[in-house]
Amino acid sequence: MTAVVALDAVPRIRRGVKCTYDQIRSAHVVLFPEGVLVLNETAASVVALCDGVRSVGDIALALGDEYAGVDAADVATLVARLVERRVVDVDG
C-alpha cells in the first residue's frame, strides 16, 4: 500500500540518485543504488521539480502550466511511490 504524501510536503532527490536521459532506452531514467527506474515524460517532469524547495502542491501547479488535466492527488501519489522506491525524501 502506497503511503500518503501531503500537498505541503517538500520532496527532494535523495543523495546518490541520478536523473538522466538514457539514449539507448530513449527515455528518462532515475539511477539509484537499488536499480534503474524508467520514467514517462510526466513522471520525469515531476522528478525534475523535486528540488527541495517546491511543495507537492507547487509541483502540481507548475505541471498544470505545461500539461492539461494535472491532478494534485496524482502528483502526490507519484511522489509517495518515489519515496517508497527511495528515490526522493520529503520534508513536512
N, C-alpha and C. Protein backbone atom coordinates (compact mmCIF):
# COMPACT_ATOMS: atom_id res chain seq x y z
N MET A 1 0.84 -1.18 0.00
CA MET A 1 0.00 0.00 0.00
C MET A 1 0.89 1.24 0.00
N THR A 2 0.58 2.18 -0.88
CA THR A 2 1.36 3.39 -1.01
C THR A 2 1.04 4.36 0.12
N ALA A 3 2.09 4.90 0.73
CA ALA A 3 1.91 5.89 1.80
C ALA A 3 1.33 7.18 1.20
N VAL A 4 0.77 7.99 2.05
CA VAL A 4 0.19 9.26 1.61
C VAL A 4 1.21 10.37 1.82
N VAL A 5 1.34 11.23 0.82
CA VAL A 5 2.22 12.40 0.91
C VAL A 5 1.32 13.64 0.83
N ALA A 6 1.46 14.52 1.78
CA ALA A 6 0.65 15.74 1.83
C ALA A 6 1.05 16.72 0.74
N LEU A 7 0.10 17.57 0.35
CA LEU A 7 0.37 18.55 -0.69
C LEU A 7 1.37 19.61 -0.25
N ASP A 8 1.53 19.78 1.08
CA ASP A 8 2.52 20.75 1.55
C ASP A 8 3.89 20.13 1.82
N ALA A 9 4.02 18.83 1.57
CA ALA A 9 5.31 18.16 1.72
C ALA A 9 6.27 18.66 0.63
N VAL A 10 7.54 18.72 0.96
CA VAL A 10 8.55 19.24 0.03
C VAL A 10 9.51 18.10 -0.34
N PRO A 11 9.37 17.56 -1.56
CA PRO A 11 10.23 16.45 -1.97
C PRO A 11 11.57 16.93 -2.54
N ARG A 12 12.59 16.10 -2.33
CA ARG A 12 13.91 16.37 -2.91
C ARG A 12 14.54 15.04 -3.30
N ILE A 13 15.37 15.07 -4.31
CA ILE A 13 16.07 13.87 -4.78
C ILE A 13 17.04 13.43 -3.69
N ARG A 14 17.06 12.15 -3.42
CA ARG A 14 17.96 11.61 -2.39
C ARG A 14 19.42 11.65 -2.87
N ARG A 15 20.32 11.70 -1.92
CA ARG A 15 21.75 11.62 -2.22
C ARG A 15 22.02 10.26 -2.88
N GLY A 16 22.83 10.27 -3.89
CA GLY A 16 23.18 9.03 -4.60
C GLY A 16 22.25 8.69 -5.74
N VAL A 17 21.20 9.49 -5.94
CA VAL A 17 20.25 9.26 -7.02
C VAL A 17 20.57 10.22 -8.17
N LYS A 18 20.56 9.68 -9.37
CA LYS A 18 20.88 10.49 -10.55
C LYS A 18 19.72 10.40 -11.54
N CYS A 19 19.30 11.54 -12.05
CA CYS A 19 18.26 11.60 -13.07
C CYS A 19 18.93 11.98 -14.38
N THR A 20 18.63 11.21 -15.43
CA THR A 20 19.27 11.45 -16.71
C THR A 20 18.39 10.95 -17.84
N TYR A 21 18.78 11.24 -19.06
CA TYR A 21 18.09 10.72 -20.24
C TYR A 21 18.95 9.60 -20.82
N ASP A 22 18.36 8.44 -20.96
CA ASP A 22 19.07 7.27 -21.48
C ASP A 22 18.84 7.19 -22.98
N GLN A 23 19.90 7.43 -23.75
CA GLN A 23 19.80 7.41 -25.21
C GLN A 23 19.41 6.03 -25.73
N ILE A 24 19.90 4.98 -25.10
CA ILE A 24 19.60 3.62 -25.56
C ILE A 24 18.12 3.30 -25.39
N ARG A 25 17.56 3.65 -24.25
CA ARG A 25 16.14 3.39 -23.99
C ARG A 25 15.23 4.47 -24.57
N SER A 26 15.82 5.58 -24.99
CA SER A 26 15.05 6.75 -25.45
C SER A 26 14.02 7.15 -24.40
N ALA A 27 14.49 7.23 -23.14
CA ALA A 27 13.59 7.55 -22.04
C ALA A 27 14.38 8.19 -20.91
N HIS A 28 13.65 8.94 -20.09
CA HIS A 28 14.23 9.49 -18.87
C HIS A 28 14.32 8.36 -17.86
N VAL A 29 15.43 8.33 -17.12
CA VAL A 29 15.62 7.29 -16.11
C VAL A 29 16.13 7.91 -14.81
N VAL A 30 15.86 7.19 -13.74
CA VAL A 30 16.42 7.53 -12.44
C VAL A 30 17.32 6.38 -12.06
N LEU A 31 18.58 6.69 -11.79
CA LEU A 31 19.55 5.68 -11.37
C LEU A 31 19.72 5.81 -9.87
N PHE A 32 19.54 4.70 -9.16
CA PHE A 32 19.68 4.71 -7.70
C PHE A 32 20.35 3.42 -7.29
N PRO A 33 20.84 3.34 -6.06
CA PRO A 33 21.63 2.16 -5.67
C PRO A 33 20.94 0.82 -5.88
N GLU A 34 19.61 0.79 -5.78
CA GLU A 34 18.89 -0.47 -5.95
C GLU A 34 18.54 -0.78 -7.39
N GLY A 35 18.77 0.14 -8.31
CA GLY A 35 18.43 -0.15 -9.70
C GLY A 35 18.19 1.07 -10.56
N VAL A 36 17.37 0.84 -11.59
CA VAL A 36 17.03 1.87 -12.57
C VAL A 36 15.51 1.94 -12.66
N LEU A 37 15.01 3.15 -12.71
CA LEU A 37 13.58 3.38 -12.86
C LEU A 37 13.38 4.16 -14.14
N VAL A 38 12.65 3.59 -15.10
CA VAL A 38 12.36 4.26 -16.37
C VAL A 38 11.10 5.09 -16.18
N LEU A 39 11.18 6.37 -16.55
CA LEU A 39 10.09 7.31 -16.34
C LEU A 39 9.42 7.71 -17.65
N ASN A 40 8.11 7.94 -17.58
CA ASN A 40 7.46 8.56 -18.73
C ASN A 40 7.71 10.07 -18.65
N GLU A 41 7.26 10.80 -19.64
CA GLU A 41 7.57 12.24 -19.70
C GLU A 41 7.01 13.00 -18.50
N THR A 42 5.80 12.67 -18.11
CA THR A 42 5.18 13.38 -16.99
C THR A 42 5.91 13.08 -15.69
N ALA A 43 6.23 11.83 -15.44
CA ALA A 43 6.95 11.46 -14.22
C ALA A 43 8.32 12.12 -14.20
N ALA A 44 8.98 12.19 -15.36
CA ALA A 44 10.28 12.85 -15.43
C ALA A 44 10.15 14.33 -15.07
N SER A 45 9.04 14.96 -15.48
CA SER A 45 8.82 16.36 -15.13
C SER A 45 8.63 16.53 -13.63
N VAL A 46 7.92 15.59 -13.00
CA VAL A 46 7.73 15.63 -11.55
C VAL A 46 9.07 15.50 -10.85
N VAL A 47 9.86 14.52 -11.24
CA VAL A 47 11.16 14.30 -10.61
C VAL A 47 12.06 15.53 -10.77
N ALA A 48 12.03 16.14 -11.94
CA ALA A 48 12.85 17.33 -12.18
C ALA A 48 12.48 18.48 -11.25
N LEU A 49 11.22 18.51 -10.80
CA LEU A 49 10.76 19.59 -9.93
C LEU A 49 10.92 19.27 -8.44
N CYS A 50 11.39 18.08 -8.13
CA CYS A 50 11.63 17.69 -6.72
C CYS A 50 12.97 18.28 -6.30
N ASP A 51 12.95 19.59 -6.02
CA ASP A 51 14.18 20.34 -5.78
C ASP A 51 14.43 20.69 -4.32
N GLY A 52 13.56 20.21 -3.42
CA GLY A 52 13.73 20.54 -2.02
C GLY A 52 13.24 21.92 -1.65
N VAL A 53 12.65 22.63 -2.61
CA VAL A 53 12.12 23.97 -2.39
C VAL A 53 10.60 23.98 -2.60
N ARG A 54 10.14 23.36 -3.69
CA ARG A 54 8.73 23.36 -4.03
C ARG A 54 7.98 22.25 -3.29
N SER A 55 6.76 22.57 -2.90
CA SER A 55 5.90 21.56 -2.29
C SER A 55 5.25 20.71 -3.39
N VAL A 56 4.64 19.63 -2.99
CA VAL A 56 3.92 18.78 -3.95
C VAL A 56 2.83 19.61 -4.64
N GLY A 57 2.13 20.44 -3.89
CA GLY A 57 1.11 21.31 -4.49
C GLY A 57 1.70 22.28 -5.49
N ASP A 58 2.87 22.85 -5.18
CA ASP A 58 3.55 23.76 -6.11
C ASP A 58 3.97 23.01 -7.38
N ILE A 59 4.42 21.79 -7.22
CA ILE A 59 4.81 20.97 -8.38
C ILE A 59 3.60 20.73 -9.27
N ALA A 60 2.47 20.41 -8.65
CA ALA A 60 1.24 20.18 -9.42
C ALA A 60 0.84 21.45 -10.19
N LEU A 61 0.95 22.60 -9.54
CA LEU A 61 0.63 23.86 -10.22
C LEU A 61 1.56 24.13 -11.39
N ALA A 62 2.85 23.88 -11.19
CA ALA A 62 3.82 24.08 -12.27
C ALA A 62 3.54 23.15 -13.44
N LEU A 63 3.19 21.91 -13.13
CA LEU A 63 2.88 20.95 -14.19
C LEU A 63 1.59 21.32 -14.92
N GLY A 64 0.65 21.94 -14.19
CA GLY A 64 -0.59 22.39 -14.80
C GLY A 64 -0.37 23.42 -15.89
N ASP A 65 0.73 24.17 -15.78
CA ASP A 65 1.07 25.14 -16.82
C ASP A 65 1.58 24.46 -18.08
N GLU A 66 2.08 23.24 -17.94
CA GLU A 66 2.68 22.51 -19.06
C GLU A 66 1.78 21.42 -19.63
N TYR A 67 0.99 20.79 -18.77
CA TYR A 67 0.14 19.66 -19.16
C TYR A 67 -1.31 19.93 -18.78
N ALA A 68 -2.24 19.46 -19.59
CA ALA A 68 -3.66 19.59 -19.28
C ALA A 68 -4.09 18.50 -18.31
N GLY A 69 -5.01 18.83 -17.42
CA GLY A 69 -5.61 17.83 -16.55
C GLY A 69 -4.74 17.31 -15.43
N VAL A 70 -3.81 18.11 -14.95
CA VAL A 70 -2.94 17.67 -13.85
C VAL A 70 -3.76 17.67 -12.56
N ASP A 71 -3.73 16.55 -11.86
CA ASP A 71 -4.43 16.40 -10.59
C ASP A 71 -3.39 16.34 -9.47
N ALA A 72 -3.52 17.24 -8.50
CA ALA A 72 -2.55 17.30 -7.40
C ALA A 72 -2.49 15.97 -6.65
N ALA A 73 -3.61 15.28 -6.53
CA ALA A 73 -3.62 13.98 -5.85
C ALA A 73 -2.77 12.95 -6.60
N ASP A 74 -2.80 13.00 -7.94
CA ASP A 74 -1.97 12.10 -8.74
C ASP A 74 -0.50 12.39 -8.55
N VAL A 75 -0.15 13.68 -8.47
CA VAL A 75 1.24 14.07 -8.24
C VAL A 75 1.67 13.57 -6.86
N ALA A 76 0.82 13.74 -5.86
CA ALA A 76 1.13 13.27 -4.50
C ALA A 76 1.32 11.76 -4.47
N THR A 77 0.51 11.03 -5.22
CA THR A 77 0.64 9.57 -5.29
C THR A 77 1.96 9.17 -5.94
N LEU A 78 2.33 9.86 -7.02
CA LEU A 78 3.61 9.58 -7.67
C LEU A 78 4.77 9.85 -6.72
N VAL A 79 4.72 10.98 -6.03
CA VAL A 79 5.79 11.31 -5.08
C VAL A 79 5.86 10.25 -3.98
N ALA A 80 4.72 9.79 -3.51
CA ALA A 80 4.70 8.73 -2.49
C ALA A 80 5.36 7.46 -3.01
N ARG A 81 5.11 7.12 -4.25
CA ARG A 81 5.76 5.94 -4.85
C ARG A 81 7.26 6.14 -4.97
N LEU A 82 7.67 7.34 -5.31
CA LEU A 82 9.10 7.64 -5.39
C LEU A 82 9.76 7.56 -4.01
N VAL A 83 9.04 7.95 -2.97
CA VAL A 83 9.54 7.82 -1.60
C VAL A 83 9.72 6.34 -1.28
N GLU A 84 8.73 5.53 -1.62
CA GLU A 84 8.83 4.08 -1.36
C GLU A 84 10.01 3.45 -2.08
N ARG A 85 10.30 3.92 -3.28
CA ARG A 85 11.43 3.39 -4.06
C ARG A 85 12.76 3.99 -3.61
N ARG A 86 12.72 4.90 -2.64
CA ARG A 86 13.90 5.56 -2.10
C ARG A 86 14.61 6.43 -3.13
N VAL A 87 13.80 7.06 -3.99
CA VAL A 87 14.31 7.99 -4.98
C VAL A 87 14.27 9.41 -4.43
N VAL A 88 13.21 9.75 -3.70
CA VAL A 88 13.09 11.08 -3.10
C VAL A 88 12.81 10.95 -1.59
N ASP A 89 13.14 12.01 -0.88
CA ASP A 89 12.77 12.19 0.51
C ASP A 89 11.79 13.35 0.56
N VAL A 90 10.95 13.41 1.59
CA VAL A 90 10.05 14.55 1.74
C VAL A 90 10.22 15.16 3.11
N ASP A 91 10.09 16.48 3.15
CA ASP A 91 10.05 17.24 4.40
C ASP A 91 8.63 17.72 4.57
N GLY A 92 8.12 17.62 5.76
CA GLY A 92 6.78 18.12 6.02
C GLY A 92 5.71 17.07 5.96
